[in-house]
C-alpha atoms as a PDB file:
ATOM      1  CA  MET A   1     -25.985   3.841 -10.896  1.00  0.00           C
ATOM      2  CA  SER A   2     -24.834   2.054 -13.931  1.00  0.00           C
ATOM      3  CA  LYS A   3     -23.715   3.917 -16.839  1.00  0.00           C
ATOM      4  CA  VAL A   4     -24.704   3.432 -20.709  1.00  0.00           C
ATOM      5  CA  PHE A   5     -22.666   1.923 -22.926  1.00  0.00           C
ATOM      6  CA  VAL A   6     -21.936   3.940 -26.392  1.00  0.00           C
ATOM      7  CA  MET A   7     -20.707   2.687 -29.659  1.00  0.00           C
ATOM      8  CA  ASP A   8     -19.863   4.570 -32.866  1.00  0.00           C
ATOM      9  CA  SER A   9     -21.646   3.893 -36.357  1.00  0.00           C
ATOM     10  CA  SER A  10     -18.626   1.384 -36.908  1.00  0.00           C
ATOM     11  CA  HIS A  11     -19.419  -0.669 -33.696  1.00  0.00           C
ATOM     12  CA  GLN A  12     -16.304   0.534 -31.993  1.00  0.00           C
ATOM     13  CA  PRO A  13     -16.974   0.820 -28.054  1.00  0.00           C
ATOM     14  CA  LEU A  14     -16.628   3.976 -26.431  1.00  0.00           C
ATOM     15  CA  ASP A  15     -16.441   5.487 -23.233  1.00  0.00           C
ATOM     16  CA  PRO A  16     -19.572   4.736 -21.203  1.00  0.00           C
ATOM     17  CA  VAL A  17     -21.917   7.804 -20.379  1.00  0.00           C
ATOM     18  CA  HIS A  18     -24.125   9.094 -17.712  1.00  0.00           C
ATOM     19  CA  PRO A  19     -27.857   7.876 -18.434  1.00  0.00           C
ATOM     20  CA  GLY A  20     -28.682  11.574 -18.562  1.00  0.00           C
ATOM     21  CA  GLN A  21     -26.389  12.322 -21.389  1.00  0.00           C
ATOM     22  CA  ALA A  22     -27.527   9.218 -23.358  1.00  0.00           C
ATOM     23  CA  SER A  23     -31.074  10.375 -22.903  1.00  0.00           C
ATOM     24  CA  ARG A  24     -29.989  14.011 -24.666  1.00  0.00           C
ATOM     25  CA  PHE A  25     -28.244  11.653 -27.391  1.00  0.00           C
ATOM     26  CA  LEU A  26     -31.529  10.112 -28.084  1.00  0.00           C
ATOM     27  CA  LYS A  27     -33.642  13.224 -27.826  1.00  0.00           C
ATOM     28  CA  GLN A  28     -31.338  14.938 -30.341  1.00  0.00           C
ATOM     29  CA  GLU A  29     -31.475  11.991 -32.946  1.00  0.00           C
ATOM     30  CA  LYS A  30     -27.736  11.610 -32.476  1.00  0.00           C
ATOM     31  CA  ALA A  31     -28.067   8.048 -31.491  1.00  0.00           C
ATOM     32  CA  ALA A  32     -30.293   5.007 -31.509  1.00  0.00           C
ATOM     33  CA  VAL A  33     -30.929   2.184 -29.126  1.00  0.00           C
ATOM     34  CA  TRP A  34     -28.672  -0.745 -29.762  1.00  0.00           C
ATOM     35  CA  ARG A  35     -29.447  -2.982 -26.901  1.00  0.00           C
ATOM     36  CA  ARG A  36     -31.853  -3.114 -23.903  1.00  0.00           C
ATOM     37  CA  PHE A  37     -29.745  -4.904 -21.737  1.00  0.00           C
ATOM     38  CA  PRO A  38     -27.086  -4.073 -20.911  1.00  0.00           C
ATOM     39  CA  PHE A  39     -28.565  -0.755 -22.317  1.00  0.00           C
ATOM     40  CA  SER A  40     -26.609   0.587 -25.106  1.00  0.00           C
ATOM     41  CA  ILE A  41     -26.629   3.112 -27.661  1.00  0.00           C
ATOM     42  CA  ILE A  42     -25.181   3.463 -30.941  1.00  0.00           C
ATOM     43  CA  LEU A  43     -24.116   6.826 -32.361  1.00  0.00           C
ATOM     44  CA  LYS A  44     -24.952   8.000 -35.881  1.00  0.00           C
ATOM     45  CA  GLN A  45     -21.516   8.972 -36.709  1.00  0.00           C
ATOM     46  CA  GLU A  46     -17.898   7.386 -36.592  1.00  0.00           C
ATOM     47  CA  VAL A  47     -15.477   8.779 -34.223  1.00  0.00           C
ATOM     48  CA  LYS A  48     -12.090   9.186 -35.468  1.00  0.00           C
ATOM     49  CA  GLN A  49      -9.384   8.154 -33.021  1.00  0.00           C
ATOM     50  CA  PRO A  50     -11.200   7.926 -29.798  1.00  0.00           C
ATOM     51  CA  GLN A  51      -9.587   8.421 -26.530  1.00  0.00           C
ATOM     52  CA  THR A  52     -10.956   5.886 -24.121  1.00  0.00           C
ATOM     53  CA  LYS A  53     -10.152   4.915 -20.617  1.00  0.00           C
ATOM     54  CA  PRO A  54      -9.327   1.331 -20.079  1.00  0.00           C
ATOM     55  CA  LEU A  55     -11.900  -0.915 -18.068  1.00  0.00           C
ATOM     56  CA  ARG A  56     -11.180  -3.894 -16.156  1.00  0.00           C
ATOM     57  CA  LEU A  57     -13.936  -6.529 -16.022  1.00  0.00           C
ATOM     58  CA  LYS A  58     -14.115  -8.058 -12.663  1.00  0.00           C
ATOM     59  CA  ILE A  59     -15.700 -11.626 -12.136  1.00  0.00           C
ATOM     60  CA  ASP A  60     -16.867 -13.191  -8.755  1.00  0.00           C
ATOM     61  CA  PRO A  61     -17.801 -16.824  -9.631  1.00  0.00           C
ATOM     62  CA  GLY A  62     -20.401 -18.638  -7.676  1.00  0.00           C
ATOM     63  CA  SER A  63     -22.441 -21.891  -8.043  1.00  0.00           C
ATOM     64  CA  ARG A  64     -25.911 -20.307  -8.421  1.00  0.00           C
ATOM     65  CA  THR A  65     -24.835 -16.773  -9.315  1.00  0.00           C
ATOM     66  CA  THR A  66     -21.775 -14.817 -10.448  1.00  0.00           C
ATOM     67  CA  GLY A  67     -21.234 -11.345 -10.067  1.00  0.00           C
ATOM     68  CA  ILE A  68     -19.531  -9.125 -12.536  1.00  0.00           C
ATOM     69  CA  ALA A  69     -18.391  -5.476 -12.641  1.00  0.00           C
ATOM     70  CA  LEU A  70     -16.690  -3.007 -14.841  1.00  0.00           C
ATOM     71  CA  VAL A  71     -14.490  -0.730 -12.888  1.00  0.00           C
ATOM     72  CA  HIS A  72     -12.077   2.068 -14.206  1.00  0.00           C
ATOM     73  CA  ASP A  73      -8.441   1.144 -13.772  1.00  0.00           C
ATOM     74  CA  THR A  74      -7.551   4.512 -12.873  1.00  0.00           C
ATOM     75  CA  SER A  75     -10.137   5.982 -10.804  1.00  0.00           C
ATOM     76  CA  GLY A  76     -11.675   2.709  -9.325  1.00  0.00           C
ATOM     77  CA  GLU A  77     -15.147   3.962 -10.157  1.00  0.00           C
ATOM     78  CA  VAL A  78     -17.767   1.230 -10.905  1.00  0.00           C
ATOM     79  CA  VAL A  79     -19.223   1.785 -14.403  1.00  0.00           C
ATOM     80  CA  PHE A  80     -21.346  -1.496 -14.372  1.00  0.00           C
ATOM     81  CA  ALA A  81     -22.427  -4.146 -12.057  1.00  0.00           C
ATOM     82  CA  ALA A  82     -24.787  -7.060 -12.398  1.00  0.00           C
ATOM     83  CA  GLU A  83     -25.523 -10.604 -11.237  1.00  0.00           C
ATOM     84  CA  ILE A  84     -25.789 -13.466 -13.599  1.00  0.00           C
ATOM     85  CA  SER A  85     -28.307 -16.258 -12.481  1.00  0.00           C
ATOM     86  CA  HIS A  86     -26.979 -19.813 -13.653  1.00  0.00           C
ATOM     87  CA  ARG A  87     -29.450 -22.724 -14.527  1.00  0.00           C
ATOM     88  CA  GLY A  88     -27.390 -25.447 -13.065  1.00  0.00           C
ATOM     89  CA  GLN A  89     -30.285 -26.807 -11.190  1.00  0.00           C
ATOM     90  CA  GLN A  90     -32.607 -26.738 -13.783  1.00  0.00           C
ATOM     91  CA  VAL A  91     -30.337 -28.622 -16.225  1.00  0.00           C
ATOM     92  CA  LYS A  92     -29.785 -31.276 -13.750  1.00  0.00           C
ATOM     93  CA  GLU A  93     -33.573 -31.762 -13.266  1.00  0.00           C
ATOM     94  CA  ALA A  94     -34.050 -31.849 -17.069  1.00  0.00           C
ATOM     95  CA  LEU A  95     -31.283 -34.707 -17.200  1.00  0.00           C
ATOM     96  CA  ASP A  96     -33.070 -36.588 -14.290  1.00  0.00           C
ATOM     97  CA  THR A  97     -36.517 -36.534 -16.191  1.00  0.00           C
ATOM     98  CA  ARG A  98     -34.758 -37.659 -19.425  1.00  0.00           C
ATOM     99  CA  ARG A  99     -33.012 -40.480 -17.327  1.00  0.00           C
ATOM    100  CA  GLY A 100     -36.223 -41.693 -16.024  1.00  0.00           C
ATOM    101  CA  ALA A 101     -37.781 -41.653 -19.383  1.00  0.00           C
ATOM    102  CA  ARG A 102     -34.904 -43.821 -20.737  1.00  0.00           C
ATOM    103  CA  ARG A 103     -35.101 -46.166 -17.855  1.00  0.00           C
ATOM    104  CA  GLY A 104     -38.998 -46.414 -18.579  1.00  0.00           C
ATOM    105  CA  ARG A 105     -38.344 -47.441 -22.249  1.00  0.00           C
ATOM    106  CA  ARG A 106     -36.115 -50.373 -21.319  1.00  0.00           C
ATOM    107  CA  ALA A 107     -38.948 -52.343 -19.614  1.00  0.00           C
ATOM    108  CA  ARG A 108     -41.597 -51.750 -22.693  1.00  0.00           C
ATOM    109  CA  LYS A 109     -41.772 -54.167 -25.744  1.00  0.00           C
ATOM    110  CA  THR A 110     -40.183 -51.801 -28.126  1.00  0.00           C
ATOM    111  CA  ARG A 111     -38.303 -52.722 -31.335  1.00  0.00           C
ATOM    112  CA  TYR A 112     -34.754 -53.866 -30.730  1.00  0.00           C
ATOM    113  CA  ARG A 113     -32.109 -51.455 -31.101  1.00  0.00           C
ATOM    114  CA  LYS A 114     -28.491 -52.655 -31.320  1.00  0.00           C
ATOM    115  CA  ALA A 115     -26.203 -51.672 -28.324  1.00  0.00           C
ATOM    116  CA  ARG A 116     -24.037 -48.640 -28.753  1.00  0.00           C
ATOM    117  CA  PHE A 117     -20.984 -48.333 -26.806  1.00  0.00           C
ATOM    118  CA  HIS A 118     -18.915 -45.304 -28.359  1.00  0.00           C
ATOM    119  CA  ASN A 119     -21.504 -42.768 -27.400  1.00  0.00           C
ATOM    120  CA  ARG A 120     -20.790 -43.750 -23.639  1.00  0.00           C
ATOM    121  CA  ARG A 121     -17.252 -42.268 -23.680  1.00  0.00           C
ATOM    122  CA  ARG A 122     -16.499 -38.816 -22.559  1.00  0.00           C
ATOM    123  CA  PRO A 123     -14.399 -36.573 -24.866  1.00  0.00           C
ATOM    124  CA  LYS A 124     -11.409 -34.690 -23.631  1.00  0.00           C
ATOM    125  CA  GLY A 125     -12.147 -31.766 -21.875  1.00  0.00           C
ATOM    126  CA  TRP A 126     -15.813 -32.942 -20.756  1.00  0.00           C
ATOM    127  CA  LEU A 127     -17.378 -31.016 -18.011  1.00  0.00           C
ATOM    128  CA  SER A 128     -20.735 -32.026 -16.288  1.00  0.00           C
ATOM    129  CA  PRO A 129     -23.486 -30.303 -17.971  1.00  0.00           C
ATOM    130  CA  PRO A 130     -24.524 -27.725 -15.098  1.00  0.00           C
ATOM    131  CA  LEU A 131     -20.958 -26.826 -14.911  1.00  0.00           C
ATOM    132  CA  GLU A 132     -20.858 -26.246 -18.923  1.00  0.00           C
ATOM    133  CA  SER A 133     -23.970 -24.196 -18.569  1.00  0.00           C
ATOM    134  CA  ARG A 134     -22.394 -21.904 -15.837  1.00  0.00           C
ATOM    135  CA  LEU A 135     -19.255 -21.596 -17.971  1.00  0.00           C
ATOM    136  CA  ARG A 136     -20.866 -20.556 -21.187  1.00  0.00           C
ATOM    137  CA  ASN A 137     -23.258 -18.378 -19.344  1.00  0.00           C
ATOM    138  CA  ILE A 138     -20.379 -16.321 -18.054  1.00  0.00           C
ATOM    139  CA  LEU A 139     -18.427 -16.458 -21.386  1.00  0.00           C
ATOM    140  CA  THR A 140     -21.549 -15.122 -23.193  1.00  0.00           C
ATOM    141  CA  TRP A 141     -21.843 -12.021 -20.836  1.00  0.00           C
ATOM    142  CA  VAL A 142     -17.989 -11.552 -21.062  1.00  0.00           C
ATOM    143  CA  GLY A 143     -18.403 -11.470 -25.013  1.00  0.00           C
ATOM    144  CA  ARG A 144     -21.256  -9.057 -24.699  1.00  0.00           C
ATOM    145  CA  LEU A 145     -19.378  -6.695 -22.351  1.00  0.00           C
ATOM    146  CA  TYR A 146     -16.406  -6.705 -24.472  1.00  0.00           C
ATOM    147  CA  ARG A 147     -18.306  -5.663 -27.594  1.00  0.00           C
ATOM    148  CA  CYS A 148     -19.988  -2.957 -25.624  1.00  0.00           C
ATOM    149  CA  ALA A 149     -17.222  -1.297 -23.693  1.00  0.00           C
ATOM    150  CA  PRO A 150     -13.439  -0.627 -23.962  1.00  0.00           C
ATOM    151  CA  VAL A 151     -12.391  -3.581 -21.656  1.00  0.00           C
ATOM    152  CA  THR A 152      -8.509  -4.223 -21.519  1.00  0.00           C
ATOM    153  CA  CYS A 153      -8.192  -6.823 -18.849  1.00  0.00           C
ATOM    154  CA  ILE A 154     -10.230  -9.332 -16.950  1.00  0.00           C
ATOM    155  CA  GLY A 155      -9.827 -10.180 -13.097  1.00  0.00           C
ATOM    156  CA  GLN A 156     -11.293 -13.069 -11.335  1.00  0.00           C
ATOM    157  CA  GLU A 157     -11.622 -13.707  -7.688  1.00  0.00           C
ATOM    158  CA  LEU A 158      -9.892 -16.999  -6.347  1.00  0.00           C
ATOM    159  CA  VAL A 159     -11.129 -17.846  -2.908  1.00  0.00           C
ATOM    160  CA  ARG A 160      -9.885 -20.840  -0.975  1.00  0.00           C
ATOM    161  CA  PHE A 161     -11.253 -21.629   2.527  1.00  0.00           C
ATOM    162  CA  ASP A 162      -8.929 -23.213   5.039  1.00  0.00           C
ATOM    163  CA  MET A 163     -11.558 -25.203   6.797  1.00  0.00           C
ATOM    164  CA  GLN A 164      -9.048 -26.767   9.299  1.00  0.00           C
ATOM    165  CA  LEU A 165      -8.165 -23.303  10.449  1.00  0.00           C
ATOM    166  CA  LEU A 166     -11.821 -22.299  10.491  1.00  0.00           C
ATOM    167  CA  GLU A 167     -12.862 -25.029  12.996  1.00  0.00           C
ATOM    168  CA  ASN A 168      -9.703 -24.916  15.090  1.00  0.00           C
ATOM    169  CA  PRO A 169      -7.590 -21.605  15.148  1.00  0.00           C
ATOM    170  CA  SER A 170      -5.036 -22.940  17.353  1.00  0.00           C
ATOM    171  CA  ILE A 171      -4.051 -25.970  15.006  1.00  0.00           C
ATOM    172  CA  GLN A 172      -0.458 -25.863  14.000  1.00  0.00           C
ATOM    173  CA  GLY A 173       2.534 -28.204  12.962  1.00  0.00           C
ATOM    174  CA  LYS A 174       1.922 -31.729  12.214  1.00  0.00           C
ATOM    175  CA  GLU A 175      -1.776 -31.717  12.962  1.00  0.00           C
ATOM    176  CA  TYR A 176      -2.213 -29.097  10.205  1.00  0.00           C
ATOM    177  CA  GLN A 177       0.003 -30.713   7.715  1.00  0.00           C
ATOM    178  CA  GLN A 178      -1.479 -34.050   7.906  1.00  0.00           C
ATOM    179  CA  GLY A 179      -5.096 -33.120   8.333  1.00  0.00           C
ATOM    180  CA  THR A 180      -8.137 -34.412   9.982  1.00  0.00           C
ATOM    181  CA  LEU A 181      -8.086 -38.126   8.628  1.00  0.00           C
ATOM    182  CA  ALA A 182      -4.241 -38.643   8.717  1.00  0.00           C
ATOM    183  CA  GLY A 183      -3.888 -42.373   9.375  1.00  0.00           C
ATOM    184  CA  TYR A 184      -7.721 -43.127   9.652  1.00  0.00           C
ATOM    185  CA  GLU A 185     -10.313 -44.219   7.631  1.00  0.00           C
ATOM    186  CA  ALA A 186     -13.647 -42.138   8.114  1.00  0.00           C
ATOM    187  CA  ARG A 187     -15.406 -45.053  10.149  1.00  0.00           C
ATOM    188  CA  GLU A 188     -12.282 -45.532  12.477  1.00  0.00           C
ATOM    189  CA  TYR A 189     -11.999 -41.734  12.939  1.00  0.00           C
ATOM    190  CA  LEU A 190     -15.552 -41.516  13.860  1.00  0.00           C
ATOM    191  CA  LEU A 191     -15.157 -44.588  16.294  1.00  0.00           C
ATOM    192  CA  GLU A 192     -12.310 -43.091  18.078  1.00  0.00           C
ATOM    193  CA  LYS A 193     -13.672 -39.529  18.376  1.00  0.00           C
ATOM    194  CA  TRP A 194     -17.163 -40.826  19.750  1.00  0.00           C
ATOM    195  CA  GLU A 195     -15.299 -43.422  22.028  1.00  0.00           C
ATOM    196  CA  ARG A 196     -17.151 -46.198  20.489  1.00  0.00           C
ATOM    197  CA  ARG A 197     -20.273 -45.253  22.108  1.00  0.00           C
ATOM    198  CA  CYS A 198     -23.841 -44.468  20.642  1.00  0.00           C
ATOM    199  CA  ALA A 199     -23.885 -40.629  20.658  1.00  0.00           C
ATOM    200  CA  TYR A 200     -27.789 -40.801  21.472  1.00  0.00           C
ATOM    201  CA  CYS A 201     -28.041 -43.295  24.146  1.00  0.00           C
ATOM    202  CA  GLY A 202     -24.443 -43.675  25.297  1.00  0.00           C
ATOM    203  CA  LYS A 203     -24.342 -47.807  25.097  1.00  0.00           C
ATOM    204  CA  SER A 204     -21.329 -49.321  23.911  1.00  0.00           C
ATOM    205  CA  ASN A 205     -20.333 -52.895  23.022  1.00  0.00           C
ATOM    206  CA  LEU A 206     -22.979 -53.197  20.100  1.00  0.00           C
ATOM    207  CA  PRO A 207     -23.001 -52.650  16.481  1.00  0.00           C
ATOM    208  CA  LEU A 208     -22.864 -48.776  15.602  1.00  0.00           C
ATOM    209  CA  GLN A 209     -24.055 -47.187  12.471  1.00  0.00           C
ATOM    210  CA  ILE A 210     -22.847 -43.850  11.022  1.00  0.00           C
ATOM    211  CA  ASP A 211     -25.507 -41.248  11.200  1.00  0.00           C
ATOM    212  CA  HIS A 212     -25.991 -37.784   9.782  1.00  0.00           C
ATOM    213  CA  ILE A 213     -26.442 -35.038  12.568  1.00  0.00           C
ATOM    214  CA  LEU A 214     -28.350 -32.800  10.095  1.00  0.00           C
ATOM    215  CA  PRO A 215     -30.109 -35.240   7.842  1.00  0.00           C
ATOM    216  CA  ARG A 216     -29.102 -35.356   4.065  1.00  0.00           C
ATOM    217  CA  ALA A 217     -32.854 -34.920   3.044  1.00  0.00           C
ATOM    218  CA  LYS A 218     -32.473 -31.479   4.882  1.00  0.00           C
ATOM    219  CA  GLY A 219     -29.510 -30.313   3.522  1.00  0.00           C
ATOM    220  CA  GLY A 220     -26.608 -32.252   5.538  1.00  0.00           C
ATOM    221  CA  THR A 221     -23.314 -33.166   4.124  1.00  0.00           C
ATOM    222  CA  ASN A 222     -20.881 -35.928   4.360  1.00  0.00           C
ATOM    223  CA  ARG A 223     -18.382 -33.865   6.138  1.00  0.00           C
ATOM    224  CA  LEU A 224     -16.944 -35.508   9.452  1.00  0.00           C
ATOM    225  CA  SER A 225     -18.489 -32.604  11.543  1.00  0.00           C
ATOM    226  CA  ASN A 226     -22.007 -33.758  10.515  1.00  0.00           C
ATOM    227  CA  LEU A 227     -21.516 -37.258  11.075  1.00  0.00           C
ATOM    228  CA  THR A 228     -21.745 -39.362  14.414  1.00  0.00           C
ATOM    229  CA  LEU A 229     -22.189 -42.934  15.572  1.00  0.00           C
ATOM    230  CA  ALA A 230     -25.549 -44.351  16.521  1.00  0.00           C
ATOM    231  CA  CYS A 231     -27.016 -47.811  17.478  1.00  0.00           C
ATOM    232  CA  GLU A 232     -29.779 -49.222  15.116  1.00  0.00           C
ATOM    233  CA  PRO A 233     -32.692 -48.309  17.494  1.00  0.00           C
ATOM    234  CA  CYS A 234     -31.491 -44.812  18.156  1.00  0.00           C
ATOM    235  CA  ASN A 235     -30.690 -44.436  14.250  1.00  0.00           C
ATOM    236  CA  GLN A 236     -34.258 -45.784  13.202  1.00  0.00           C
ATOM    237  CA  ALA A 237     -35.958 -43.381  15.938  1.00  0.00           C
ATOM    238  CA  LYS A 238     -34.167 -40.419  14.793  1.00  0.00           C
ATOM    239  CA  GLY A 239     -34.745 -40.913  11.046  1.00  0.00           C
ATOM    240  CA  ASN A 240     -35.053 -37.436   9.310  1.00  0.00           C
ATOM    241  CA  ARG A 241     -35.600 -35.469  12.503  1.00  0.00           C
ATOM    242  CA  ASP A 242     -33.582 -32.414  13.447  1.00  0.00           C
ATOM    243  CA  LEU A 243     -31.269 -33.211  16.293  1.00  0.00           C
ATOM    244  CA  GLU A 244     -32.726 -30.431  18.344  1.00  0.00           C
ATOM    245  CA  ASP A 245     -36.311 -32.140  17.761  1.00  0.00           C
ATOM    246  CA  PHE A 246     -35.048 -35.599  18.661  1.00  0.00           C
ATOM    247  CA  LEU A 247     -33.427 -34.527  21.834  1.00  0.00           C
ATOM    248  CA  LYS A 248     -35.689 -31.736  22.929  1.00  0.00           C
ATOM    249  CA  LYS A 249     -36.274 -33.647  26.223  1.00  0.00           C
ATOM    250  CA  GLU A 250     -32.507 -34.374  26.652  1.00  0.00           C
ATOM    251  CA  PRO A 251     -30.813 -30.593  26.651  1.00  0.00           C
ATOM    252  CA  GLU A 252     -27.722 -31.829  28.317  1.00  0.00           C
ATOM    253  CA  ARG A 253     -26.964 -34.495  25.840  1.00  0.00           C
ATOM    254  CA  LEU A 254     -28.092 -32.083  22.930  1.00  0.00           C
ATOM    255  CA  LYS A 255     -25.413 -29.486  23.958  1.00  0.00           C
ATOM    256  CA  GLN A 256     -22.804 -32.268  24.468  1.00  0.00           C
ATOM    257  CA  ILE A 257     -23.270 -33.810  20.959  1.00  0.00           C
ATOM    258  CA  GLN A 258     -23.338 -30.410  19.350  1.00  0.00           C
ATOM    259  CA  ALA A 259     -20.016 -29.534  20.966  1.00  0.00           C
ATOM    260  CA  GLN A 260     -18.301 -32.693  20.279  1.00  0.00           C
ATOM    261  CA  ALA A 261     -19.301 -32.755  16.562  1.00  0.00           C
ATOM    262  CA  LYS A 262     -17.647 -29.177  16.299  1.00  0.00           C
ATOM    263  CA  ALA A 263     -14.576 -30.463  18.278  1.00  0.00           C
ATOM    264  CA  PRO A 264     -11.311 -31.391  16.292  1.00  0.00           C
ATOM    265  CA  PHE A 265      -9.950 -34.868  17.423  1.00  0.00           C
ATOM    266  CA  PHE A 266      -6.485 -34.055  17.729  1.00  0.00           C
ATOM    267  CA  THR A 267      -6.278 -30.961  19.858  1.00  0.00           C
ATOM    268  CA  PRO A 268      -4.604 -29.610  22.929  1.00  0.00           C
ATOM    269  CA  LEU A 269      -6.823 -29.638  26.193  1.00  0.00           C
ATOM    270  CA  HIS A 270      -9.178 -26.364  26.042  1.00  0.00           C
ATOM    271  CA  ARG A 271     -12.091 -25.240  27.000  1.00  0.00           C
ATOM    272  CA  LEU A 272     -15.226 -24.072  25.074  1.00  0.00           C
ATOM    273  CA  ASP A 273     -19.026 -23.685  26.117  1.00  0.00           C
ATOM    274  CA  GLY A 274     -18.243 -25.492  29.418  1.00  0.00           C
ATOM    275  CA  TYR A 275     -16.703 -28.538  27.997  1.00  0.00           C
ATOM    276  CA  SER A 276     -13.056 -29.754  27.737  1.00  0.00           C
ATOM    277  CA  TYR A 277     -11.779 -31.031  24.696  1.00  0.00           C
ATOM    278  CA  GLN A 278      -8.911 -33.462  24.284  1.00  0.00           C
ATOM    279  CA  LYS A 279      -7.964 -36.451  22.087  1.00  0.00           C
ATOM    280  CA  GLY A 280     -10.699 -38.906  22.201  1.00  0.00           C
ATOM    281  CA  GLY A 281     -13.707 -36.866  22.654  1.00  0.00           C
ATOM    282  CA  VAL A 282     -15.348 -34.225  25.023  1.00  0.00           C
ATOM    283  CA  HIS A 283     -15.498 -34.379  28.670  1.00  0.00           C
ATOM    284  CA  SER A 284     -17.896 -32.070  30.980  1.00  0.00           C
ATOM    285  CA  SER A 285     -15.955 -29.581  33.193  1.00  0.00           C
ATOM    286  CA  PRO A 286     -17.302 -27.076  35.689  1.00  0.00           C
ATOM    287  CA  ALA A 287     -17.940 -23.448  34.428  1.00  0.00           C
END
């Protein structure tokens, strides 16, 4: 349960109190409501030399929501916790709408306006509008909590994901240091990994196109584990369909493509899900 923030008549933050105690202060008319959210009350008298416990503000940043919590440094008790919802997607949609309106005006017969170039330069420290909106949102709430509670320090969670180690736990040495694309361009890497064959029909010695296993229209990314090779007829036939839907009549080929897409290119020979992985691709092996 989040506690209620308390300030004295000089707007000096005091230790947060239990909601029941805050309710008694309000009923006895010793305090008044200062803010609705986060719920704060202000005392009707000044507290001389208050003894407050230090609080730590912890921030867990995210692209859509950011978690914030106020914690006692000594006891570890959580005083306040909340989630901040960001407007990054709404900002992007608004900018796209404005961009479309500007492009529409260029084709109309409007009065001539002299070209301007200085407004196209990005100032030093420029951030994209969705990112700036997220940053200002967090700073706004940090400022509010600083005014309501005796915050002495801020801690932020820094998370780094090691994607190579997640995909291949046995990777080590030179393979780990050089990364997945060491010495390869993306297309050459895919040609070597998929053995210069169409992943869907198995044909070779024909022009191949890069295809997204999970279509970008459905949230697919440009990561190498989501890319494969396909001939033009197979690529057009698949279109924006899911791989499971496209190969529902060929379950063995579906299983092989899914396994080979997840398999790293440079690995020692090992087995997983009935397939053996080695440099150059996936080869079926008996269970």
